[in-house]
Amino acid sequence: MNFSNYSGDDLIAQAIGLVALIFGVTAFSQKDDRRLRLLMGFQAFTLVIHFVMLGAYSGAASACVTRARNFLYLRENMNNFAL
């Protein structure tokens, strides 16, 4: 593979995308729903950064919607936990 065609920013964006992938795989291995949603939120936030760096603004917008949905779910269900 020849990486000389890619700029440093592209490689950083791809590395951030790899971090998002790791968050996603880790999220779906969780048994606790709250932890799943939290990790999915981290994945979505990381994907927003990844897509913005690549100039894919529609992908970033979609990840923002996912992030907001997970945040609202966690916020709404925090009152339901008996801790």
N, C-alpha and C. Protein backbone atom coordinates (compact mmCIF):
# COMPACT_ATOMS: atom_id res chain seq x y z
N MET A 1 0.83 -1.18 0.00
CA MET A 1 0.00 0.00 0.00
C MET A 1 0.88 1.25 0.00
N ASN A 2 0.54 2.17 -0.84
CA ASN A 2 1.30 3.40 -0.94
C ASN A 2 0.53 4.53 -0.27
N PHE A 3 1.03 4.99 0.87
CA PHE A 3 0.36 6.04 1.61
C PHE A 3 0.87 7.43 1.24
N SER A 4 1.75 7.52 0.27
CA SER A 4 2.30 8.83 -0.09
C SER A 4 1.26 9.72 -0.76
N ASN A 5 0.16 9.15 -1.25
CA ASN A 5 -0.89 9.95 -1.89
C ASN A 5 -1.80 10.62 -0.88
N TYR A 6 -1.70 10.25 0.38
CA TYR A 6 -2.57 10.79 1.41
C TYR A 6 -1.85 11.87 2.20
N SER A 7 -2.61 12.89 2.59
CA SER A 7 -2.02 13.93 3.43
C SER A 7 -2.03 13.46 4.88
N GLY A 8 -1.33 14.16 5.71
CA GLY A 8 -1.30 13.82 7.13
C GLY A 8 -2.67 13.93 7.77
N ASP A 9 -3.47 14.91 7.31
CA ASP A 9 -4.82 15.08 7.85
C ASP A 9 -5.71 13.89 7.51
N ASP A 10 -5.55 13.34 6.31
CA ASP A 10 -6.35 12.18 5.93
C ASP A 10 -6.00 10.97 6.78
N LEU A 11 -4.74 10.80 7.06
CA LEU A 11 -4.32 9.66 7.89
C LEU A 11 -4.82 9.82 9.32
N ILE A 12 -4.80 11.04 9.83
CA ILE A 12 -5.32 11.29 11.18
C ILE A 12 -6.82 11.03 11.20
N ALA A 13 -7.53 11.47 10.17
CA ALA A 13 -8.98 11.23 10.09
C ALA A 13 -9.27 9.74 10.05
N GLN A 14 -8.49 8.98 9.31
CA GLN A 14 -8.70 7.54 9.26
C GLN A 14 -8.38 6.88 10.60
N ALA A 15 -7.38 7.38 11.30
CA ALA A 15 -7.05 6.85 12.62
C ALA A 15 -8.20 7.12 13.60
N ILE A 16 -8.81 8.30 13.49
CA ILE A 16 -9.96 8.62 14.34
C ILE A 16 -11.13 7.70 13.98
N GLY A 17 -11.30 7.40 12.70
CA GLY A 17 -12.32 6.45 12.29
C GLY A 17 -12.07 5.06 12.87
N LEU A 18 -10.81 4.67 12.98
CA LEU A 18 -10.47 3.38 13.59
C LEU A 18 -10.84 3.37 15.07
N VAL A 19 -10.61 4.49 15.74
CA VAL A 19 -11.01 4.61 17.16
C VAL A 19 -12.53 4.47 17.27
N ALA A 20 -13.26 5.08 16.35
CA ALA A 20 -14.73 4.96 16.35
C ALA A 20 -15.15 3.51 16.16
N LEU A 21 -14.46 2.80 15.29
CA LEU A 21 -14.76 1.39 15.08
C LEU A 21 -14.54 0.59 16.36
N ILE A 22 -13.48 0.88 17.07
CA ILE A 22 -13.19 0.19 18.33
C ILE A 22 -14.29 0.48 19.35
N PHE A 23 -14.73 1.75 19.43
CA PHE A 23 -15.84 2.09 20.32
C PHE A 23 -17.09 1.29 19.95
N GLY A 24 -17.37 1.17 18.65
CA GLY A 24 -18.56 0.46 18.20
C GLY A 24 -18.52 -1.02 18.53
N VAL A 25 -17.40 -1.65 18.28
CA VAL A 25 -17.27 -3.08 18.58
C VAL A 25 -17.37 -3.30 20.09
N THR A 26 -16.74 -2.44 20.86
CA THR A 26 -16.80 -2.55 22.32
C THR A 26 -18.23 -2.31 22.80
N ALA A 27 -18.93 -1.37 22.21
CA ALA A 27 -20.30 -1.06 22.63
C ALA A 27 -21.22 -2.26 22.46
N PHE A 28 -21.12 -2.91 21.33
CA PHE A 28 -22.04 -4.01 21.06
C PHE A 28 -21.67 -5.29 21.79
N SER A 29 -20.57 -5.28 22.52
CA SER A 29 -20.24 -6.44 23.35
C SER A 29 -20.71 -6.24 24.79
N GLN A 30 -21.36 -5.12 25.08
CA GLN A 30 -21.82 -4.82 26.44
C GLN A 30 -23.15 -5.51 26.72
N LYS A 31 -23.34 -5.89 27.97
CA LYS A 31 -24.61 -6.48 28.39
C LYS A 31 -25.49 -5.44 29.09
N ASP A 32 -24.89 -4.40 29.58
CA ASP A 32 -25.62 -3.32 30.24
C ASP A 32 -26.05 -2.29 29.20
N ASP A 33 -27.35 -2.01 29.13
CA ASP A 33 -27.88 -1.11 28.12
C ASP A 33 -27.34 0.30 28.26
N ARG A 34 -27.17 0.75 29.49
CA ARG A 34 -26.65 2.10 29.72
C ARG A 34 -25.22 2.22 29.19
N ARG A 35 -24.40 1.23 29.46
CA ARG A 35 -23.02 1.24 28.98
C ARG A 35 -22.98 1.15 27.45
N LEU A 36 -23.89 0.37 26.88
CA LEU A 36 -24.00 0.27 25.42
C LEU A 36 -24.27 1.65 24.83
N ARG A 37 -25.27 2.34 25.36
CA ARG A 37 -25.63 3.67 24.83
C ARG A 37 -24.51 4.69 25.04
N LEU A 38 -23.82 4.60 26.16
CA LEU A 38 -22.72 5.52 26.43
C LEU A 38 -21.60 5.32 25.41
N LEU A 39 -21.22 4.07 25.18
CA LEU A 39 -20.17 3.80 24.21
C LEU A 39 -20.60 4.13 22.79
N MET A 40 -21.89 3.91 22.48
CA MET A 40 -22.39 4.31 21.16
C MET A 40 -22.33 5.83 21.00
N GLY A 41 -22.56 6.55 22.09
CA GLY A 41 -22.44 8.01 22.05
C GLY A 41 -21.00 8.44 21.78
N PHE A 42 -20.04 7.77 22.42
CA PHE A 42 -18.63 8.06 22.15
C PHE A 42 -18.29 7.73 20.70
N GLN A 43 -18.83 6.64 20.21
CA GLN A 43 -18.59 6.27 18.82
C GLN A 43 -19.14 7.34 17.88
N ALA A 44 -20.36 7.79 18.15
CA ALA A 44 -20.97 8.80 17.28
C ALA A 44 -20.19 10.11 17.32
N PHE A 45 -19.74 10.51 18.51
CA PHE A 45 -18.95 11.74 18.62
C PHE A 45 -17.64 11.61 17.84
N THR A 46 -17.00 10.47 17.95
CA THR A 46 -15.76 10.23 17.23
C THR A 46 -16.01 10.21 15.72
N LEU A 47 -17.14 9.65 15.31
CA LEU A 47 -17.47 9.64 13.89
C LEU A 47 -17.75 11.05 13.36
N VAL A 48 -18.33 11.91 14.18
CA VAL A 48 -18.54 13.30 13.76
C VAL A 48 -17.20 13.93 13.41
N ILE A 49 -16.22 13.77 14.29
CA ILE A 49 -14.89 14.33 14.04
C ILE A 49 -14.29 13.72 12.77
N HIS A 50 -14.40 12.41 12.64
CA HIS A 50 -13.88 11.69 11.48
C HIS A 50 -14.49 12.22 10.18
N PHE A 51 -15.82 12.32 10.14
CA PHE A 51 -16.48 12.76 8.92
C PHE A 51 -16.20 14.22 8.60
N VAL A 52 -16.13 15.08 9.60
CA VAL A 52 -15.82 16.49 9.36
C VAL A 52 -14.42 16.63 8.78
N MET A 53 -13.47 15.87 9.34
CA MET A 53 -12.10 15.94 8.83
C MET A 53 -12.00 15.46 7.38
N LEU A 54 -12.87 14.53 6.99
CA LEU A 54 -12.87 14.04 5.62
C LEU A 54 -13.72 14.89 4.69
N GLY A 55 -14.47 15.84 5.25
CA GLY A 55 -15.33 16.69 4.43
C GLY A 55 -16.66 16.06 4.09
N ALA A 56 -17.02 14.99 4.79
CA ALA A 56 -18.30 14.29 4.55
C ALA A 56 -19.32 14.81 5.56
N TYR A 57 -19.90 15.96 5.23
CA TYR A 57 -20.75 16.65 6.20
C TYR A 57 -22.10 15.96 6.40
N SER A 58 -22.59 15.26 5.41
CA SER A 58 -23.84 14.53 5.61
C SER A 58 -23.63 13.36 6.59
N GLY A 59 -22.49 12.71 6.51
CA GLY A 59 -22.17 11.65 7.48
C GLY A 59 -22.01 12.22 8.88
N ALA A 60 -21.41 13.41 8.99
CA ALA A 60 -21.27 14.07 10.28
C ALA A 60 -22.63 14.43 10.86
N ALA A 61 -23.53 14.90 10.01
CA ALA A 61 -24.88 15.25 10.48
C ALA A 61 -25.61 14.01 10.98
N SER A 62 -25.48 12.92 10.27
CA SER A 62 -26.11 11.67 10.69
C SER A 62 -25.56 11.20 12.03
N ALA A 63 -24.25 11.30 12.21
CA ALA A 63 -23.63 10.91 13.48
C ALA A 63 -24.07 11.85 14.60
N CYS A 64 -24.31 13.14 14.29
CA CYS A 64 -24.81 14.08 15.30
C CYS A 64 -26.20 13.68 15.77
N VAL A 65 -27.04 13.24 14.86
CA VAL A 65 -28.38 12.79 15.22
C VAL A 65 -28.29 11.57 16.13
N THR A 66 -27.41 10.64 15.79
CA THR A 66 -27.22 9.45 16.62
C THR A 66 -26.71 9.84 18.00
N ARG A 67 -25.76 10.76 18.05
CA ARG A 67 -25.21 11.21 19.33
C ARG A 67 -26.30 11.86 20.18
N ALA A 68 -27.11 12.70 19.58
CA ALA A 68 -28.19 13.36 20.32
C ALA A 68 -29.21 12.35 20.83
N ARG A 69 -29.54 11.37 20.00
CA ARG A 69 -30.49 10.34 20.41
C ARG A 69 -29.96 9.55 21.61
N ASN A 70 -28.71 9.18 21.58
CA ASN A 70 -28.13 8.43 22.70
C ASN A 70 -28.05 9.29 23.96
N PHE A 71 -27.69 10.56 23.80
CA PHE A 71 -27.63 11.45 24.96
C PHE A 71 -29.01 11.61 25.59
N LEU A 72 -30.03 11.83 24.76
CA LEU A 72 -31.38 11.98 25.29
C LEU A 72 -31.87 10.71 25.96
N TYR A 73 -31.54 9.56 25.39
CA TYR A 73 -31.93 8.30 25.99
C TYR A 73 -31.30 8.14 27.37
N LEU A 74 -30.00 8.44 27.47
CA LEU A 74 -29.31 8.31 28.75
C LEU A 74 -29.87 9.29 29.77
N ARG A 75 -30.12 10.51 29.34
CA ARG A 75 -30.63 11.54 30.24
C ARG A 75 -32.04 11.19 30.73
N GLU A 76 -32.86 10.70 29.82
CA GLU A 76 -34.24 10.37 30.17
C GLU A 76 -34.32 9.16 31.09
N ASN A 77 -33.46 8.19 30.88
CA ASN A 77 -33.51 6.98 31.67
C ASN A 77 -32.68 7.02 32.95
N MET A 78 -31.97 8.10 33.18
CA MET A 78 -31.21 8.23 34.43
C MET A 78 -32.15 8.26 35.63
N ASN A 79 -33.34 8.80 35.45
CA ASN A 79 -34.29 8.88 36.56
C ASN A 79 -34.93 7.53 36.88
N ASN A 80 -34.82 6.58 35.96
CA ASN A 80 -35.43 5.28 36.16
C ASN A 80 -34.55 4.31 36.93
N PHE A 81 -33.28 4.66 37.13
CA PHE A 81 -32.37 3.78 37.85
C PHE A 81 -32.54 3.99 39.35
N ALA A 82 -32.61 2.92 40.08
CA ALA A 82 -32.75 3.00 41.54
C ALA A 82 -31.37 2.82 42.16
N LEU A 83 -30.59 3.88 42.16
CA LEU A 83 -29.26 3.81 42.75
C LEU A 83 -29.22 4.55 44.07
